[in-house]
Amino acid sequence: MLTVVSDTHSTDTHRLSGRTLDAVREADLVAHAGDFMRESVLDEFEREADRLLGVSGNNDDAGIRDRLPEARTFTFGGLTFAMTHRQRGGSTALALFGRQRAADVVLFGHSHRPTYEPTDEVVLVNPGSHAQPRGNRAAHAEFERREGGGVEGRLVTVDGEPFESFVVDGRGARDR
């Protein structure tokens, strides 16, 4: 399983709880789309996750910016994921970011709003914020490998309620 979180905005702890904490601990890979805020919070995530890939966000301190890139690309379930905290220009800029990296899925944060948005060329997913939802649902994203390739994805509340499910198979996305 790939678990995706973002926008922790903490100065002292990872602020993981409920299903989000369980998903981080169970994941083969955890991706954090930026805004840990303090380097000690990044260290706490690294202690909880078997494997953590992160990017720096606009509120991250210098220690995090020194350790993490602003963008990265990785594979999971036979798909290419591109991750950044934000791109000025909204969905169009995020889709371009994904196309430039030959990605199937773009993971991003910043807005604290959990989002699943299929476009013609790439799927955009914002896990929201598990810790500071700012009027949105406190959430994260989970991706499971599918036999034959691709992933089943879902946006999940901290309480464990899936509220958006979808499939990405490298030929686009479809709602479940």
N, C-alpha and C. Protein backbone atom coordinates (compact mmCIF):
# COMPACT_ATOMS: atom_id res chain seq x y z
N MET A 1 0.83 -1.18 0.00
CA MET A 1 0.00 0.00 0.00
C MET A 1 0.89 1.25 0.00
N LEU A 2 0.45 2.25 -0.73
CA LEU A 2 1.03 3.59 -0.72
C LEU A 2 0.08 4.49 0.06
N THR A 3 0.57 5.14 1.09
CA THR A 3 -0.21 6.10 1.86
C THR A 3 0.35 7.49 1.58
N VAL A 4 -0.55 8.45 1.31
CA VAL A 4 -0.14 9.81 0.99
C VAL A 4 -0.76 10.77 2.00
N VAL A 5 0.09 11.60 2.60
CA VAL A 5 -0.33 12.63 3.54
C VAL A 5 0.28 13.96 3.12
N SER A 6 -0.22 15.02 3.71
CA SER A 6 0.31 16.35 3.40
C SER A 6 -0.09 17.33 4.50
N ASP A 7 0.56 18.46 4.50
CA ASP A 7 0.17 19.61 5.31
C ASP A 7 -0.03 19.28 6.78
N THR A 8 1.02 18.74 7.39
CA THR A 8 1.00 18.42 8.81
C THR A 8 1.02 19.70 9.64
N HIS A 9 1.81 20.69 9.23
CA HIS A 9 1.87 21.99 9.92
C HIS A 9 2.06 21.83 11.42
N SER A 10 3.15 21.19 11.80
CA SER A 10 3.42 20.97 13.22
C SER A 10 4.82 21.42 13.58
N THR A 11 4.96 21.86 14.80
CA THR A 11 6.28 22.26 15.29
C THR A 11 6.88 21.22 16.23
N ASP A 12 6.09 20.16 16.57
CA ASP A 12 6.62 19.24 17.57
C ASP A 12 6.29 17.77 17.37
N THR A 13 5.26 17.40 16.61
CA THR A 13 4.89 16.00 16.48
C THR A 13 4.28 15.74 15.11
N HIS A 14 4.17 14.47 14.72
CA HIS A 14 3.62 14.14 13.40
C HIS A 14 2.11 14.32 13.33
N ARG A 15 1.44 14.40 14.44
CA ARG A 15 -0.01 14.64 14.53
C ARG A 15 -0.83 13.56 13.82
N LEU A 16 -0.26 12.38 13.66
CA LEU A 16 -0.98 11.26 13.05
C LEU A 16 -1.87 10.62 14.11
N SER A 17 -3.09 10.21 13.69
CA SER A 17 -4.00 9.53 14.59
C SER A 17 -4.95 8.66 13.78
N GLY A 18 -5.67 7.80 14.47
CA GLY A 18 -6.72 7.01 13.84
C GLY A 18 -6.24 6.21 12.64
N ARG A 19 -7.10 6.14 11.63
CA ARG A 19 -6.78 5.37 10.42
C ARG A 19 -5.53 5.92 9.74
N THR A 20 -5.29 7.22 9.81
CA THR A 20 -4.12 7.79 9.14
C THR A 20 -2.84 7.23 9.75
N LEU A 21 -2.77 7.17 11.07
CA LEU A 21 -1.60 6.59 11.73
C LEU A 21 -1.45 5.12 11.34
N ASP A 22 -2.54 4.37 11.37
CA ASP A 22 -2.48 2.96 10.97
C ASP A 22 -2.01 2.81 9.53
N ALA A 23 -2.53 3.65 8.63
CA ALA A 23 -2.16 3.56 7.21
C ALA A 23 -0.68 3.87 7.00
N VAL A 24 -0.15 4.82 7.74
CA VAL A 24 1.29 5.14 7.64
C VAL A 24 2.11 3.95 8.12
N ARG A 25 1.70 3.35 9.20
CA ARG A 25 2.46 2.23 9.76
C ARG A 25 2.36 0.97 8.88
N GLU A 26 1.23 0.77 8.20
CA GLU A 26 1.01 -0.41 7.37
C GLU A 26 1.59 -0.28 5.97
N ALA A 27 1.87 0.91 5.53
CA ALA A 27 2.24 1.17 4.14
C ALA A 27 3.60 0.60 3.76
N ASP A 28 3.70 0.14 2.52
CA ASP A 28 5.00 -0.20 1.94
C ASP A 28 5.78 1.07 1.67
N LEU A 29 5.03 2.13 1.36
CA LEU A 29 5.63 3.42 1.02
C LEU A 29 4.70 4.53 1.50
N VAL A 30 5.27 5.55 2.13
CA VAL A 30 4.52 6.74 2.54
C VAL A 30 5.08 7.92 1.76
N ALA A 31 4.18 8.70 1.17
CA ALA A 31 4.57 9.92 0.46
C ALA A 31 3.97 11.11 1.22
N HIS A 32 4.79 12.12 1.48
CA HIS A 32 4.33 13.34 2.15
C HIS A 32 4.53 14.50 1.19
N ALA A 33 3.43 15.18 0.87
CA ALA A 33 3.45 16.24 -0.14
C ALA A 33 3.74 17.62 0.45
N GLY A 34 4.52 17.68 1.50
CA GLY A 34 5.06 18.96 1.98
C GLY A 34 4.30 19.61 3.12
N ASP A 35 4.97 20.57 3.73
CA ASP A 35 4.53 21.31 4.90
C ASP A 35 4.49 20.44 6.16
N PHE A 36 5.64 19.82 6.44
CA PHE A 36 5.86 19.22 7.76
C PHE A 36 5.94 20.37 8.76
N MET A 37 6.71 21.37 8.46
CA MET A 37 7.06 22.62 9.12
C MET A 37 8.42 22.56 9.81
N ARG A 38 8.65 21.61 10.69
CA ARG A 38 9.93 21.54 11.41
C ARG A 38 10.61 20.21 11.11
N GLU A 39 11.93 20.25 11.10
CA GLU A 39 12.72 19.06 10.79
C GLU A 39 12.44 17.92 11.77
N SER A 40 12.15 18.24 13.02
CA SER A 40 11.84 17.19 14.01
C SER A 40 10.56 16.43 13.63
N VAL A 41 9.63 17.08 12.94
CA VAL A 41 8.40 16.42 12.49
C VAL A 41 8.72 15.44 11.37
N LEU A 42 9.59 15.83 10.44
CA LEU A 42 10.08 14.92 9.41
C LEU A 42 10.73 13.70 10.05
N ASP A 43 11.55 13.92 11.07
CA ASP A 43 12.20 12.81 11.77
C ASP A 43 11.16 11.86 12.37
N GLU A 44 10.08 12.40 12.93
CA GLU A 44 9.03 11.55 13.51
C GLU A 44 8.33 10.72 12.43
N PHE A 45 8.08 11.32 11.27
CA PHE A 45 7.49 10.55 10.16
C PHE A 45 8.41 9.41 9.75
N GLU A 46 9.70 9.69 9.69
CA GLU A 46 10.66 8.65 9.30
C GLU A 46 10.66 7.50 10.31
N ARG A 47 10.40 7.79 11.56
CA ARG A 47 10.33 6.72 12.57
C ARG A 47 9.06 5.89 12.42
N GLU A 48 7.97 6.47 11.97
CA GLU A 48 6.69 5.75 11.83
C GLU A 48 6.60 4.95 10.53
N ALA A 49 7.22 5.43 9.46
CA ALA A 49 7.07 4.82 8.14
C ALA A 49 8.26 3.92 7.82
N ASP A 50 7.97 2.77 7.22
CA ASP A 50 9.06 1.89 6.76
C ASP A 50 9.88 2.59 5.69
N ARG A 51 9.19 3.28 4.79
CA ARG A 51 9.86 3.99 3.69
C ARG A 51 9.10 5.28 3.44
N LEU A 52 9.77 6.41 3.53
CA LEU A 52 9.15 7.73 3.37
C LEU A 52 9.80 8.49 2.24
N LEU A 53 8.97 9.00 1.33
CA LEU A 53 9.41 9.94 0.31
C LEU A 53 8.66 11.23 0.54
N GLY A 54 9.36 12.32 0.62
CA GLY A 54 8.70 13.60 0.84
C GLY A 54 9.22 14.68 -0.08
N VAL A 55 8.47 15.76 -0.12
CA VAL A 55 8.90 16.98 -0.80
C VAL A 55 8.76 18.13 0.20
N SER A 56 9.50 19.18 -0.02
CA SER A 56 9.39 20.34 0.86
C SER A 56 8.21 21.19 0.42
N GLY A 57 7.63 21.85 1.41
CA GLY A 57 6.51 22.76 1.17
C GLY A 57 6.89 24.20 1.47
N ASN A 58 5.99 25.10 1.22
CA ASN A 58 6.28 26.52 1.38
C ASN A 58 6.43 26.94 2.85
N ASN A 59 5.98 26.13 3.80
CA ASN A 59 6.12 26.47 5.22
C ASN A 59 7.20 25.66 5.93
N ASP A 60 7.97 24.89 5.18
CA ASP A 60 8.99 24.04 5.80
C ASP A 60 10.25 24.82 6.13
N ASP A 61 10.89 24.44 7.24
CA ASP A 61 12.10 25.12 7.67
C ASP A 61 13.31 24.73 6.80
N ALA A 62 14.41 25.40 7.02
CA ALA A 62 15.61 25.20 6.20
C ALA A 62 16.13 23.77 6.29
N GLY A 63 16.02 23.15 7.45
CA GLY A 63 16.49 21.77 7.60
C GLY A 63 15.74 20.82 6.68
N ILE A 64 14.44 21.02 6.54
CA ILE A 64 13.65 20.18 5.63
C ILE A 64 14.01 20.49 4.18
N ARG A 65 14.12 21.76 3.86
CA ARG A 65 14.47 22.16 2.47
C ARG A 65 15.84 21.62 2.08
N ASP A 66 16.74 21.47 3.04
CA ASP A 66 18.05 20.88 2.76
C ASP A 66 17.96 19.38 2.50
N ARG A 67 17.00 18.72 3.13
CA ARG A 67 16.89 17.25 3.05
C ARG A 67 15.95 16.77 1.95
N LEU A 68 14.96 17.58 1.58
CA LEU A 68 13.95 17.13 0.64
C LEU A 68 13.88 18.02 -0.59
N PRO A 69 13.65 17.44 -1.76
CA PRO A 69 13.50 18.26 -2.98
C PRO A 69 12.13 18.94 -3.00
N GLU A 70 11.96 19.89 -3.90
CA GLU A 70 10.65 20.53 -4.09
C GLU A 70 9.72 19.64 -4.90
N ALA A 71 10.27 18.72 -5.67
CA ALA A 71 9.48 17.81 -6.49
C ALA A 71 10.23 16.50 -6.62
N ARG A 72 9.49 15.42 -6.82
CA ARG A 72 10.11 14.12 -7.05
C ARG A 72 9.16 13.25 -7.84
N THR A 73 9.76 12.21 -8.45
CA THR A 73 9.01 11.25 -9.24
C THR A 73 9.38 9.86 -8.74
N PHE A 74 8.37 8.97 -8.64
CA PHE A 74 8.61 7.60 -8.20
C PHE A 74 7.57 6.69 -8.84
N THR A 75 7.79 5.39 -8.74
CA THR A 75 6.83 4.43 -9.30
C THR A 75 6.20 3.62 -8.17
N PHE A 76 4.96 3.23 -8.43
CA PHE A 76 4.22 2.36 -7.52
C PHE A 76 3.11 1.70 -8.34
N GLY A 77 2.97 0.40 -8.21
CA GLY A 77 1.93 -0.32 -8.94
C GLY A 77 2.07 -0.22 -10.45
N GLY A 78 3.30 -0.06 -10.92
CA GLY A 78 3.53 0.06 -12.35
C GLY A 78 3.20 1.42 -12.92
N LEU A 79 2.85 2.39 -12.07
CA LEU A 79 2.51 3.74 -12.51
C LEU A 79 3.59 4.71 -12.06
N THR A 80 3.69 5.83 -12.76
CA THR A 80 4.61 6.89 -12.38
C THR A 80 3.85 7.97 -11.64
N PHE A 81 4.33 8.30 -10.45
CA PHE A 81 3.76 9.35 -9.61
C PHE A 81 4.75 10.53 -9.59
N ALA A 82 4.25 11.72 -9.80
CA ALA A 82 5.04 12.94 -9.64
C ALA A 82 4.45 13.68 -8.45
N MET A 83 5.32 14.20 -7.58
CA MET A 83 4.83 14.84 -6.36
C MET A 83 5.48 16.21 -6.17
N THR A 84 4.67 17.17 -5.78
CA THR A 84 5.12 18.51 -5.44
C THR A 84 4.16 19.05 -4.39
N HIS A 85 4.55 20.11 -3.71
CA HIS A 85 3.63 20.69 -2.73
C HIS A 85 2.57 21.52 -3.44
N ARG A 86 3.02 22.37 -4.36
CA ARG A 86 2.06 23.22 -5.08
C ARG A 86 2.67 23.68 -6.40
N GLN A 87 1.80 24.06 -7.29
CA GLN A 87 2.19 24.67 -8.56
C GLN A 87 1.27 25.86 -8.77
N ARG A 88 1.82 27.03 -8.94
CA ARG A 88 0.97 28.19 -9.24
C ARG A 88 0.32 27.96 -10.60
N GLY A 89 -0.97 28.20 -10.66
CA GLY A 89 -1.69 27.99 -11.90
C GLY A 89 -2.71 26.87 -11.81
N GLY A 90 -2.90 26.31 -10.61
CA GLY A 90 -3.96 25.34 -10.38
C GLY A 90 -3.82 24.05 -11.16
N SER A 91 -4.97 23.49 -11.53
CA SER A 91 -5.03 22.19 -12.18
C SER A 91 -4.24 22.15 -13.48
N THR A 92 -4.29 23.22 -14.24
CA THR A 92 -3.56 23.26 -15.52
C THR A 92 -2.06 23.13 -15.28
N ALA A 93 -1.54 23.86 -14.31
CA ALA A 93 -0.11 23.81 -14.01
C ALA A 93 0.27 22.44 -13.43
N LEU A 94 -0.59 21.86 -12.60
CA LEU A 94 -0.31 20.54 -12.04
C LEU A 94 -0.30 19.47 -13.13
N ALA A 95 -1.25 19.55 -14.06
CA ALA A 95 -1.28 18.59 -15.18
C ALA A 95 -0.02 18.74 -16.03
N LEU A 96 0.41 19.97 -16.29
CA LEU A 96 1.65 20.19 -17.06
C LEU A 96 2.85 19.63 -16.30
N PHE A 97 2.91 19.85 -15.00
CA PHE A 97 3.96 19.29 -14.16
C PHE A 97 4.00 17.77 -14.33
N GLY A 98 2.85 17.13 -14.30
CA GLY A 98 2.78 15.69 -14.49
C GLY A 98 3.21 15.25 -15.87
N ARG A 99 2.76 15.94 -16.90
CA ARG A 99 3.14 15.59 -18.27
C ARG A 99 4.64 15.72 -18.48
N GLN A 100 5.24 16.75 -17.90
CA GLN A 100 6.68 16.95 -18.03
C GLN A 100 7.47 15.81 -17.41
N ARG A 101 6.88 15.11 -16.48
CA ARG A 101 7.54 13.99 -15.80
C ARG A 101 7.00 12.64 -16.25
N ALA A 102 6.21 12.63 -17.32
CA ALA A 102 5.60 11.41 -17.86
C ALA A 102 4.85 10.64 -16.77
N ALA A 103 4.15 11.37 -15.91
CA ALA A 103 3.45 10.78 -14.78
C ALA A 103 2.04 10.35 -15.15
N ASP A 104 1.58 9.34 -14.43
CA ASP A 104 0.18 8.92 -14.49
C ASP A 104 -0.64 9.64 -13.42
N VAL A 105 0.01 9.91 -12.29
CA VAL A 105 -0.65 10.53 -11.14
C VAL A 105 0.22 11.66 -10.62
N VAL A 106 -0.40 12.81 -10.31
CA VAL A 106 0.29 13.91 -9.65
C VAL A 106 -0.26 14.02 -8.23
N LEU A 107 0.64 13.96 -7.25
CA LEU A 107 0.30 14.14 -5.85
C LEU A 107 0.72 15.55 -5.45
N PHE A 108 -0.16 16.26 -4.76
CA PHE A 108 0.15 17.62 -4.35
C PHE A 108 -0.57 17.94 -3.05
N GLY A 109 -0.20 19.03 -2.43
CA GLY A 109 -0.81 19.47 -1.18
C GLY A 109 -1.21 20.92 -1.26
N HIS A 110 -0.94 21.66 -0.22
CA HIS A 110 -1.07 23.10 -0.09
C HIS A 110 -2.48 23.58 0.25
N SER A 111 -3.50 23.12 -0.43
CA SER A 111 -4.84 23.66 -0.21
C SER A 111 -5.54 23.06 1.01
N HIS A 112 -5.05 21.94 1.52
CA HIS A 112 -5.65 21.21 2.64
C HIS A 112 -6.99 20.59 2.26
N ARG A 113 -7.35 20.62 1.00
CA ARG A 113 -8.63 20.10 0.51
C ARG A 113 -8.41 18.77 -0.19
N PRO A 114 -8.93 17.66 0.36
CA PRO A 114 -8.77 16.38 -0.32
C PRO A 114 -9.44 16.44 -1.70
N THR A 115 -8.67 16.04 -2.72
CA THR A 115 -9.14 16.20 -4.09
C THR A 115 -8.73 15.02 -4.95
N TYR A 116 -9.66 14.54 -5.74
CA TYR A 116 -9.38 13.59 -6.82
C TYR A 116 -9.92 14.25 -8.09
N GLU A 117 -9.03 14.47 -9.05
CA GLU A 117 -9.42 15.14 -10.29
C GLU A 117 -8.76 14.46 -11.48
N PRO A 118 -9.52 13.65 -12.22
CA PRO A 118 -8.95 13.08 -13.44
C PRO A 118 -8.94 14.13 -14.54
N THR A 119 -7.83 14.22 -15.27
CA THR A 119 -7.76 15.09 -16.44
C THR A 119 -7.54 14.18 -17.65
N ASP A 120 -7.45 14.75 -18.81
CA ASP A 120 -7.26 13.95 -20.02
C ASP A 120 -5.96 13.15 -19.99
N GLU A 121 -4.92 13.67 -19.34
CA GLU A 121 -3.61 13.04 -19.42
C GLU A 121 -3.05 12.53 -18.10
N VAL A 122 -3.54 13.03 -16.98
CA VAL A 122 -2.97 12.68 -15.69
C VAL A 122 -4.06 12.80 -14.62
N VAL A 123 -3.91 12.04 -13.55
CA VAL A 123 -4.84 12.11 -12.42
C VAL A 123 -4.20 12.98 -11.34
N LEU A 124 -4.96 13.94 -10.82
CA LEU A 124 -4.47 14.83 -9.77
C LEU A 124 -5.08 14.39 -8.44
N VAL A 125 -4.24 14.20 -7.43
CA VAL A 125 -4.72 13.78 -6.11
C VAL A 125 -4.04 14.63 -5.03
N ASN A 126 -4.87 15.28 -4.23
CA ASN A 126 -4.43 15.97 -3.03
C ASN A 126 -5.01 15.20 -1.86
N PRO A 127 -4.17 14.68 -0.96
CA PRO A 127 -4.69 13.90 0.17
C PRO A 127 -5.40 14.75 1.21
N GLY A 128 -5.32 16.07 1.09
CA GLY A 128 -5.83 16.94 2.14
C GLY A 128 -4.84 16.99 3.29
N SER A 129 -5.29 17.44 4.43
CA SER A 129 -4.45 17.49 5.62
C SER A 129 -5.05 16.60 6.70
N HIS A 130 -4.23 15.71 7.24
CA HIS A 130 -4.67 14.85 8.34
C HIS A 130 -4.72 15.62 9.66
N ALA A 131 -4.02 16.74 9.73
CA ALA A 131 -3.82 17.41 11.00
C ALA A 131 -4.42 18.81 11.08
N GLN A 132 -4.56 19.48 9.96
CA GLN A 132 -5.06 20.85 9.95
C GLN A 132 -5.97 21.04 8.73
N PRO A 133 -7.17 20.48 8.76
CA PRO A 133 -8.00 20.46 7.56
C PRO A 133 -8.56 21.81 7.10
N ARG A 134 -8.54 22.82 7.94
CA ARG A 134 -9.00 24.17 7.55
C ARG A 134 -10.39 24.15 6.92
N GLY A 135 -11.33 23.57 7.62
CA GLY A 135 -12.71 23.56 7.14
C GLY A 135 -13.04 22.40 6.20
N ASN A 136 -12.05 21.62 5.83
CA ASN A 136 -12.25 20.43 5.01
C ASN A 136 -12.23 19.20 5.90
N ARG A 137 -12.46 18.02 5.31
CA ARG A 137 -12.33 16.78 6.08
C ARG A 137 -10.86 16.51 6.35
N ALA A 138 -10.54 16.10 7.57
CA ALA A 138 -9.19 15.63 7.87
C ALA A 138 -9.03 14.30 7.14
N ALA A 139 -8.00 14.19 6.28
CA ALA A 139 -7.94 13.02 5.39
C ALA A 139 -6.53 12.70 4.95
N HIS A 140 -6.43 11.56 4.27
CA HIS A 140 -5.21 11.11 3.60
C HIS A 140 -5.65 10.30 2.39
N ALA A 141 -4.70 9.86 1.58
CA ALA A 141 -5.00 9.01 0.41
C ALA A 141 -4.31 7.67 0.57
N GLU A 142 -4.96 6.63 0.06
CA GLU A 142 -4.39 5.28 0.06
C GLU A 142 -4.48 4.72 -1.35
N PHE A 143 -3.41 4.04 -1.78
CA PHE A 143 -3.37 3.39 -3.08
C PHE A 143 -2.96 1.94 -2.89
N GLU A 144 -3.70 1.02 -3.47
CA GLU A 144 -3.39 -0.40 -3.44
C GLU A 144 -3.05 -0.86 -4.85
N ARG A 145 -2.01 -1.69 -4.97
CA ARG A 145 -1.65 -2.26 -6.27
C ARG A 145 -2.79 -3.15 -6.77
N ARG A 146 -3.02 -3.12 -8.10
CA ARG A 146 -3.99 -4.02 -8.73
C ARG A 146 -3.24 -5.11 -9.47
N GLU A 147 -3.77 -6.31 -9.44
CA GLU A 147 -3.18 -7.38 -10.22
C GLU A 147 -3.23 -6.98 -11.69
N GLY A 148 -2.14 -7.11 -12.39
CA GLY A 148 -2.08 -6.70 -13.79
C GLY A 148 -1.64 -5.25 -13.98
N GLY A 149 -1.41 -4.53 -12.88
CA GLY A 149 -0.91 -3.16 -12.97
C GLY A 149 -1.95 -2.13 -12.59
N GLY A 150 -1.49 -0.96 -12.29
CA GLY A 150 -2.36 0.12 -11.87
C GLY A 150 -2.65 0.06 -10.39
N VAL A 151 -3.49 0.96 -9.96
CA VAL A 151 -3.82 1.08 -8.54
C VAL A 151 -5.30 1.35 -8.35
N GLU A 152 -5.79 0.94 -7.19
CA GLU A 152 -7.08 1.39 -6.70
C GLU A 152 -6.78 2.45 -5.66
N GLY A 153 -7.37 3.62 -5.81
CA GLY A 153 -7.12 4.71 -4.89
C GLY A 153 -8.36 5.10 -4.13
N ARG A 154 -8.13 5.73 -2.97
CA ARG A 154 -9.26 6.23 -2.20
C ARG A 154 -8.78 7.37 -1.30
N LEU A 155 -9.67 8.30 -1.08
CA LEU A 155 -9.49 9.33 -0.08
C LEU A 155 -10.23 8.87 1.16
N VAL A 156 -9.56 8.98 2.32
CA VAL A 156 -10.06 8.38 3.56
C VAL A 156 -9.96 9.39 4.69
N THR A 157 -11.02 9.48 5.52
CA THR A 157 -10.95 10.36 6.68
C THR A 157 -10.04 9.75 7.74
N VAL A 158 -9.63 10.56 8.69
CA VAL A 158 -8.82 10.09 9.80
C VAL A 158 -9.59 9.02 10.60
N ASP A 159 -10.90 9.09 10.57
CA ASP A 159 -11.74 8.10 11.26
C ASP A 159 -11.86 6.80 10.47
N GLY A 160 -11.34 6.76 9.24
CA GLY A 160 -11.35 5.53 8.45
C GLY A 160 -12.46 5.42 7.43
N GLU A 161 -13.19 6.50 7.19
CA GLU A 161 -14.29 6.48 6.22
C GLU A 161 -13.78 6.85 4.83
N PRO A 162 -13.82 5.90 3.87
CA PRO A 162 -13.47 6.25 2.49
C PRO A 162 -14.60 7.11 1.90
N PHE A 163 -14.25 8.23 1.26
CA PHE A 163 -15.29 9.08 0.70
C PHE A 163 -15.11 9.34 -0.78
N GLU A 164 -14.05 8.83 -1.37
CA GLU A 164 -13.84 8.91 -2.82
C GLU A 164 -13.00 7.70 -3.21
N SER A 165 -13.45 6.92 -4.20
CA SER A 165 -12.70 5.76 -4.67
C SER A 165 -12.56 5.83 -6.17
N PHE A 166 -11.41 5.36 -6.68
CA PHE A 166 -11.14 5.45 -8.10
C PHE A 166 -10.08 4.44 -8.48
N VAL A 167 -9.93 4.19 -9.77
CA VAL A 167 -8.93 3.27 -10.31
C VAL A 167 -8.08 4.05 -11.30
N VAL A 168 -6.77 3.85 -11.23
CA VAL A 168 -5.85 4.41 -12.23
C VAL A 168 -5.09 3.24 -12.79
N ASP A 169 -5.18 3.06 -14.12
CA ASP A 169 -4.54 1.88 -14.72
C ASP A 169 -3.51 2.22 -15.78
N GLY A 170 -3.09 3.45 -15.85
CA GLY A 170 -2.10 3.84 -16.84
C GLY A 170 -2.71 4.26 -18.17
N ARG A 171 -3.99 4.00 -18.31
CA ARG A 171 -4.72 4.45 -19.51
C ARG A 171 -5.71 5.53 -19.12
N GLY A 172 -5.55 6.07 -17.93
CA GLY A 172 -6.46 7.07 -17.43
C GLY A 172 -7.06 6.63 -16.11
N ALA A 173 -8.10 7.30 -15.70
CA ALA A 173 -8.73 7.01 -14.42
C ALA A 173 -10.22 6.80 -14.61
N ARG A 174 -10.77 6.12 -13.67
CA ARG A 174 -12.23 5.99 -13.67
C ARG A 174 -12.69 5.90 -12.21
N ASP A 175 -13.86 6.45 -11.98
CA ASP A 175 -14.45 6.38 -10.63
C ASP A 175 -14.88 4.95 -10.37
N ARG A 176 -14.87 4.58 -9.12
CA ARG A 176 -15.35 3.26 -8.73
C ARG A 176 -16.73 3.35 -8.18
